[in-house]
Amino acid sequence: MIDKQANKQLSKGLKTKERKPGWWARRSRRKLLAEILSALENYDIKSVWAHKDFVSAVERRPKNVTMYVEFSAKAADGYAEKIGMELDKTIKKQAINIIDVNSLLPSVKEFVFKDVEQVR
């Protein structure tokens, strides 16, 4: 029979532990986010969201970055595509997708916002 202390240690060892990304990955991700946000400052934007795994650098080497943006009331419809093209010219390391939050359906918006974190 297993005593209480050994049972506690066994159950603790069987749990999966989330590993924090290294300082270099977190630092480079912070620099990339700062670069994206500085490029977005020129436009009339209320707030910006990104996926939690991207912000915390858990996701390694993302092929493309998706940013969810809420524009002010006076922004035009095709504004998100224009900003996406401008960001692709500015930041050549990553493919950045800009999605307007107001263009999402409510059910899709609810699903997406479970996994995003406000960046600005």
Protein backbone atom coordinates (compact mmCIF):
# COMPACT_ATOMS: atom_id res chain seq x y z
CA MET A 1 0.00 0.00 0.00
CA ILE A 2 1.23 3.51 -0.80
CA ASP A 3 1.37 5.99 2.05
CA LYS A 4 -0.07 9.49 1.79
CA GLN A 5 3.27 11.27 1.18
CA ALA A 6 4.30 8.93 -1.66
CA ASN A 7 0.85 9.25 -3.23
CA LYS A 8 1.17 13.04 -3.15
CA GLN A 9 4.57 12.92 -4.86
CA LEU A 10 3.36 10.46 -7.50
CA SER A 11 0.33 12.56 -8.37
CA LYS A 12 2.48 15.69 -8.54
CA GLY A 13 4.94 13.96 -10.90
CA LEU A 14 2.19 12.84 -13.25
CA LYS A 15 0.83 16.34 -13.83
CA THR A 16 2.07 18.13 -16.93
CA LYS A 17 4.07 21.21 -16.14
CA GLU A 18 3.87 24.23 -18.41
CA ARG A 19 7.30 25.45 -19.28
CA LYS A 20 7.96 29.14 -19.50
CA PRO A 21 9.73 30.18 -22.71
CA GLY A 22 13.30 31.38 -22.42
CA TRP A 23 14.16 35.00 -21.80
CA TRP A 24 15.48 35.44 -25.35
CA ALA A 25 12.17 34.34 -26.90
CA ARG A 26 10.15 36.57 -24.57
CA ARG A 27 12.43 39.54 -25.23
CA SER A 28 12.34 39.17 -29.01
CA ARG A 29 8.56 38.74 -28.94
CA ARG A 30 8.22 41.92 -26.85
CA LYS A 31 10.39 43.78 -29.37
CA LEU A 32 8.28 42.52 -32.29
CA LEU A 33 5.05 43.56 -30.52
CA ALA A 34 6.50 47.00 -29.80
CA GLU A 35 7.48 47.34 -33.46
CA ILE A 36 3.97 46.37 -34.60
CA LEU A 37 2.31 48.73 -32.12
CA SER A 38 4.55 51.63 -33.14
CA ALA A 39 3.59 51.02 -36.78
CA LEU A 40 -0.10 50.98 -35.80
CA GLU A 41 0.13 54.30 -33.91
CA ASN A 42 -0.22 56.25 -37.17
CA TYR A 43 -3.76 54.95 -37.66
CA ASP A 44 -6.95 55.76 -35.77
CA ILE A 45 -7.19 52.62 -33.60
CA LYS A 46 -8.99 52.16 -30.28
CA SER A 47 -7.52 48.85 -29.16
CA VAL A 48 -5.45 45.89 -30.37
CA TRP A 49 -5.59 42.20 -29.39
CA ALA A 50 -3.26 39.29 -30.13
CA HIS A 51 -3.32 35.58 -29.29
CA LYS A 52 -2.10 34.75 -25.77
CA ASP A 53 0.36 32.13 -27.00
CA PHE A 54 1.94 34.68 -29.33
CA VAL A 55 2.20 37.40 -26.67
CA SER A 56 3.69 35.09 -24.03
CA ALA A 57 6.05 33.51 -26.63
CA VAL A 58 4.71 30.00 -25.99
CA GLU A 59 4.10 29.62 -29.72
CA ARG A 60 7.51 29.08 -31.29
CA ARG A 61 8.33 30.60 -34.67
CA PRO A 62 4.85 31.64 -35.79
CA LYS A 63 4.48 31.75 -39.56
CA ASN A 64 1.94 34.52 -39.43
CA VAL A 65 0.72 36.87 -36.73
CA THR A 66 -2.97 37.71 -36.40
CA MET A 67 -3.84 41.01 -34.75
CA TYR A 68 -7.45 41.91 -33.97
CA VAL A 69 -8.02 45.65 -34.21
CA GLU A 70 -10.93 47.87 -33.21
CA PHE A 71 -11.04 51.06 -35.25
CA SER A 72 -12.69 54.32 -34.32
CA ALA A 73 -16.14 55.09 -35.71
CA LYS A 74 -14.85 57.13 -38.66
CA ALA A 75 -12.69 54.34 -40.17
CA ALA A 76 -13.61 53.00 -43.62
CA ASP A 77 -14.53 49.40 -44.47
CA GLY A 78 -11.35 48.35 -46.32
CA TYR A 79 -9.08 50.01 -43.79
CA ALA A 80 -7.85 46.73 -42.24
CA GLU A 81 -6.49 45.38 -45.54
CA LYS A 82 -4.70 48.67 -46.20
CA ILE A 83 -3.05 48.61 -42.78
CA GLY A 84 -2.10 44.94 -43.27
CA MET A 85 -0.29 45.77 -46.52
CA GLU A 86 1.48 48.71 -44.86
CA LEU A 87 2.64 46.48 -41.99
CA ASP A 88 3.93 43.85 -44.43
CA LYS A 89 6.09 46.56 -46.03
CA THR A 90 7.27 47.87 -42.65
CA ILE A 91 7.95 44.54 -40.91
CA LYS A 92 9.50 42.09 -43.32
CA LYS A 93 10.26 39.31 -40.78
CA GLN A 94 6.65 38.22 -40.22
CA ALA A 95 3.42 37.97 -42.16
CA ILE A 96 0.93 40.04 -40.18
CA ASN A 97 -2.83 39.72 -40.63
CA ILE A 98 -5.07 42.53 -39.43
CA ILE A 99 -8.70 41.66 -38.70
CA ASP A 100 -11.32 44.27 -37.88
CA VAL A 101 -13.23 43.21 -34.75
CA ASN A 102 -16.42 44.91 -35.93
CA SER A 103 -16.47 42.79 -39.10
CA LEU A 104 -16.63 39.49 -37.14
CA LEU A 105 -19.90 37.69 -36.53
CA PRO A 106 -20.93 37.62 -32.85
CA SER A 107 -20.47 33.84 -32.52
CA VAL A 108 -17.03 33.98 -34.16
CA LYS A 109 -16.07 36.97 -32.03
CA GLU A 110 -17.05 35.10 -28.85
CA PHE A 111 -14.98 32.07 -29.90
CA VAL A 112 -11.93 34.16 -30.85
CA PHE A 113 -11.94 36.32 -27.74
CA LYS A 114 -11.48 33.29 -25.47
CA ASP A 115 -7.90 33.02 -26.72
CA VAL A 116 -6.77 36.64 -27.16
CA GLU A 117 -5.16 39.19 -24.89
CA GLN A 118 -5.41 42.96 -25.18
CA VAL A 119 -2.08 44.42 -26.22
CA ARG A 120 -3.09 48.08 -26.41
